[in-house]
C-alpha atoms as a PDB file:
ATOM      1  CA  MET A   1      29.323   3.752   4.515  1.00  0.00           C
ATOM      2  CA  ASN A   2      26.914   0.941   3.707  1.00  0.00           C
ATOM      3  CA  ARG A   3      23.618   2.477   2.457  1.00  0.00           C
ATOM      4  CA  VAL A   4      21.384   1.529  -0.422  1.00  0.00           C
ATOM      5  CA  ASN A   5      18.245   3.232  -1.746  1.00  0.00           C
ATOM      6  CA  LEU A   6      16.066   1.352  -4.226  1.00  0.00           C
ATOM      7  CA  THR A   7      12.763   2.107  -5.907  1.00  0.00           C
ATOM      8  CA  GLY A   8      10.985  -0.742  -7.619  1.00  0.00           C
ATOM      9  CA  ARG A   9       8.137  -3.238  -7.495  1.00  0.00           C
ATOM     10  CA  TRP A  10       7.667  -6.374  -5.419  1.00  0.00           C
ATOM     11  CA  THR A  11       7.866  -9.487  -7.598  1.00  0.00           C
ATOM     12  CA  LYS A  12       5.423 -11.340  -5.300  1.00  0.00           C
ATOM     13  CA  ASP A  13       3.679 -10.851  -1.971  1.00  0.00           C
ATOM     14  CA  LEU A  14       6.081 -10.669   0.949  1.00  0.00           C
ATOM     15  CA  GLU A  15       6.572 -13.774   3.045  1.00  0.00           C
ATOM     16  CA  LEU A  16       5.901 -12.816   6.678  1.00  0.00           C
ATOM     17  CA  ARG A  17       6.907 -15.143   9.480  1.00  0.00           C
ATOM     18  CA  HIS A  18       7.725 -14.852  13.168  1.00  0.00           C
ATOM     19  CA  LEU A  19      10.768 -16.136  15.014  1.00  0.00           C
ATOM     20  CA  ASN A  20      10.387 -18.160  18.217  1.00  0.00           C
ATOM     21  CA  ASP A  21      10.649 -14.959  20.268  1.00  0.00           C
ATOM     22  CA  GLY A  22       7.815 -13.348  18.252  1.00  0.00           C
ATOM     23  CA  THR A  23      10.026 -11.065  16.134  1.00  0.00           C
ATOM     24  CA  ALA A  24       8.476 -10.470  12.711  1.00  0.00           C
ATOM     25  CA  VAL A  25      10.598 -10.926   9.589  1.00  0.00           C
ATOM     26  CA  ALA A  26       9.420 -10.427   6.014  1.00  0.00           C
ATOM     27  CA  THR A  27      11.307 -11.422   2.894  1.00  0.00           C
ATOM     28  CA  GLY A  28      10.707 -10.598  -0.725  1.00  0.00           C
ATOM     29  CA  THR A  29      12.308  -9.602  -3.990  1.00  0.00           C
ATOM     30  CA  ILE A  30      12.171  -6.144  -5.529  1.00  0.00           C
ATOM     31  CA  ALA A  31      12.534  -5.558  -9.279  1.00  0.00           C
ATOM     32  CA  VAL A  32      14.363  -2.328 -10.111  1.00  0.00           C
ATOM     33  CA  ASP A  33      14.410  -0.998 -13.682  1.00  0.00           C
ATOM     34  CA  GLU A  34      17.255   0.947 -15.249  1.00  0.00           C
ATOM     35  CA  GLY A  35      17.069   2.669 -18.622  1.00  0.00           C
ATOM     36  CA  TRP A  36      14.205   2.397 -21.108  1.00  0.00           C
ATOM     37  CA  GLY A  37      13.321   0.932 -24.469  1.00  0.00           C
ATOM     38  CA  GLU A  38      15.791  -1.578 -25.893  1.00  0.00           C
ATOM     39  CA  ARG A  39      18.371  -0.535 -23.281  1.00  0.00           C
ATOM     40  CA  LYS A  40      16.085  -1.247 -20.330  1.00  0.00           C
ATOM     41  CA  LYS A  41      17.495  -3.644 -17.751  1.00  0.00           C
ATOM     42  CA  THR A  42      15.781  -5.055 -14.697  1.00  0.00           C
ATOM     43  CA  TYR A  43      17.700  -6.039 -11.584  1.00  0.00           C
ATOM     44  CA  PHE A  44      16.306  -8.220  -8.793  1.00  0.00           C
ATOM     45  CA  PHE A  45      17.291  -7.702  -5.154  1.00  0.00           C
ATOM     46  CA  GLN A  46      16.388  -9.863  -2.177  1.00  0.00           C
ATOM     47  CA  VAL A  47      15.013  -7.759   0.684  1.00  0.00           C
ATOM     48  CA  VAL A  48      14.701  -8.585   4.376  1.00  0.00           C
ATOM     49  CA  LEU A  49      12.556  -6.468   6.703  1.00  0.00           C
ATOM     50  CA  TRP A  50      12.322  -6.764  10.482  1.00  0.00           C
ATOM     51  CA  LYS A  51       9.814  -6.064  13.254  1.00  0.00           C
ATOM     52  CA  LYS A  52       7.193  -3.331  12.651  1.00  0.00           C
ATOM     53  CA  THR A  53       8.608  -2.551   9.211  1.00  0.00           C
ATOM     54  CA  ALA A  54       8.088  -6.200   8.216  1.00  0.00           C
ATOM     55  CA  GLU A  55       4.517  -6.270   9.522  1.00  0.00           C
ATOM     56  CA  ALA A  56       3.549  -2.980   7.862  1.00  0.00           C
ATOM     57  CA  ALA A  57       5.078  -3.928   4.501  1.00  0.00           C
ATOM     58  CA  ALA A  58       3.339  -7.307   4.480  1.00  0.00           C
ATOM     59  CA  GLN A  59       0.003  -5.712   5.388  1.00  0.00           C
ATOM     60  CA  TYR A  60       0.030  -2.622   3.170  1.00  0.00           C
ATOM     61  CA  SER A  61       2.077  -3.675   0.152  1.00  0.00           C
ATOM     62  CA  GLY A  62       2.310  -6.687  -2.126  1.00  0.00           C
ATOM     63  CA  LYS A  63       3.025  -8.133  -5.549  1.00  0.00           C
ATOM     64  CA  GLY A  64       3.471  -5.497  -8.243  1.00  0.00           C
ATOM     65  CA  LYS A  65       3.256  -2.566  -5.834  1.00  0.00           C
ATOM     66  CA  ARG A  66       5.875   0.157  -6.077  1.00  0.00           C
ATOM     67  CA  VAL A  67       8.002   0.850  -2.999  1.00  0.00           C
ATOM     68  CA  ALA A  68      11.109   2.809  -2.053  1.00  0.00           C
ATOM     69  CA  ILE A  69      13.491   1.014   0.291  1.00  0.00           C
ATOM     70  CA  ASP A  70      16.295   2.562   2.328  1.00  0.00           C
ATOM     71  CA  GLY A  71      18.645   0.092   3.961  1.00  0.00           C
ATOM     72  CA  ARG A  72      22.020  -1.589   3.940  1.00  0.00           C
ATOM     73  CA  LEU A  73      23.635  -4.572   2.231  1.00  0.00           C
ATOM     74  CA  THR A  74      24.449  -7.756   4.115  1.00  0.00           C
ATOM     75  CA  GLN A  75      25.989 -11.048   3.065  1.00  0.00           C
ATOM     76  CA  ARG A  76      25.161 -14.499   4.421  1.00  0.00           C
ATOM     77  CA  SER A  77      26.703 -17.849   3.622  1.00  0.00           C
ATOM     78  CA  TRP A  78      26.022 -21.523   4.344  1.00  0.00           C
ATOM     79  CA  GLU A  79      27.110 -24.976   3.184  1.00  0.00           C
ATOM     80  CA  LYS A  80      24.979 -26.859   0.667  1.00  0.00           C
ATOM     81  CA  ASP A  81      26.094 -30.193  -0.796  1.00  0.00           C
ATOM     82  CA  GLY A  82      29.687 -29.453   0.235  1.00  0.00           C
ATOM     83  CA  GLN A  83      29.676 -26.057  -1.501  1.00  0.00           C
ATOM     84  CA  LYS A  84      29.669 -22.688   0.210  1.00  0.00           C
ATOM     85  CA  VAL A  85      26.661 -20.623  -0.930  1.00  0.00           C
ATOM     86  CA  TYR A  86      26.671 -16.820  -0.618  1.00  0.00           C
ATOM     87  CA  VAL A  87      23.769 -14.408  -0.846  1.00  0.00           C
ATOM     88  CA  VAL A  88      23.757 -10.609  -0.702  1.00  0.00           C
ATOM     89  CA  GLU A  89      20.562  -9.065   0.663  1.00  0.00           C
ATOM     90  CA  VAL A  90      19.173  -5.626   1.326  1.00  0.00           C
ATOM     91  CA  VAL A  91      18.130  -5.209   4.957  1.00  0.00           C
ATOM     92  CA  GLY A  92      15.453  -2.527   4.728  1.00  0.00           C
ATOM     93  CA  ASP A  93      15.463  -0.011   7.552  1.00  0.00           C
ATOM     94  CA  HIS A  94      12.684   2.093   6.038  1.00  0.00           C
ATOM     95  CA  VAL A  95      10.031   1.327   3.410  1.00  0.00           C
ATOM     96  CA  GLU A  96       7.930   3.983   1.720  1.00  0.00           C
ATOM     97  CA  PHE A  97       4.738   2.719   0.108  1.00  0.00           C
ATOM     98  CA  LEU A  98       4.313   4.418  -3.248  1.00  0.00           C
ATOM     99  CA  GLU A  99       1.062   2.531  -3.946  1.00  0.00           C
ATOM    100  CA  SER A 100      -1.517   1.006  -1.634  1.00  0.00           C
ATOM    101  CA  LYS A 101      -2.242  -2.724  -1.610  1.00  0.00           C
ATOM    102  CA  GLU A 102      -5.886  -2.146  -2.492  1.00  0.00           C
ATOM    103  CA  GLN A 103      -6.533  -1.956  -6.198  1.00  0.00           C
ATOM    104  CA  GLN A 104      -7.166   1.591  -7.312  1.00  0.00           C
ATOM    105  CA  LYS A 105      -9.012   2.591 -10.449  1.00  0.00           C
ATOM    106  CA  ASP A 106      -6.536   3.225 -13.231  1.00  0.00           C
ATOM    107  CA  PRO A 107      -7.010   6.881 -14.259  1.00  0.00           C
ATOM    108  CA  PHE A 108      -5.966   5.987 -17.818  1.00  0.00           C
ATOM    109  CA  GLN A 109      -8.090   2.859 -18.277  1.00  0.00           C
ATOM    110  CA  ASP A 110     -10.309   4.704 -20.780  1.00  0.00           C
ATOM    111  CA  GLU A 111      -7.311   6.108 -22.661  1.00  0.00           C
ATOM    112  CA  GLY A 112      -7.917   6.263 -26.371  1.00  0.00           C
ATOM    113  CA  LYS A 113     -11.704   6.291 -26.063  1.00  0.00           C
ATOM    114  CA  PRO A 114     -13.720   9.424 -26.917  1.00  0.00           C
ATOM    115  CA  ILE A 115     -14.741  11.612 -23.977  1.00  0.00           C
ATOM    116  CA  ASP A 116     -18.169  13.250 -23.895  1.00  0.00           C
ATOM    117  CA  ILE A 117     -17.425  16.849 -22.884  1.00  0.00           C
ATOM    118  CA  THR A 118     -19.172  20.159 -23.550  1.00  0.00           C
ATOM    119  CA  TYR A 119     -17.993  23.784 -23.385  1.00  0.00           C
ATOM    120  CA  GLU A 120     -19.798  24.154 -20.068  1.00  0.00           C
ATOM    121  CA  ASP A 121     -17.462  21.502 -18.593  1.00  0.00           C
ATOM    122  CA  LEU A 122     -14.362  23.589 -19.311  1.00  0.00           C
ATOM    123  CA  PRO A 123     -13.027  25.705 -16.412  1.00  0.00           C
ATOM    124  CA  PHE A 124     -12.100  28.682 -18.664  1.00  0.00           C
END
């Protein structure tokens, strides 16, 4: 079985283009973290999306936005300067947008600052 599920953030806005027949294809790189603190590692995976999935991802998601991708691994190769070059990519069958492209107000932007609150503001 060839399935991969990744949750991470786009490293840059997706590159959306259309083939001669009009088929949409979007490419990008997702950064996936593992661990935390000094043991934290970040892995980078190239992602390819097709058709409506490509168009939706390019429109509603972008650099720094968190996404979950379900897909499969593929491998391509080509010749460059007499050397065979290989690349492994994730072909995303489904993308779940965990954040919208529009900037949202950070609920913790005032963290650490005093809050003006009275007893009447409390729900109990």
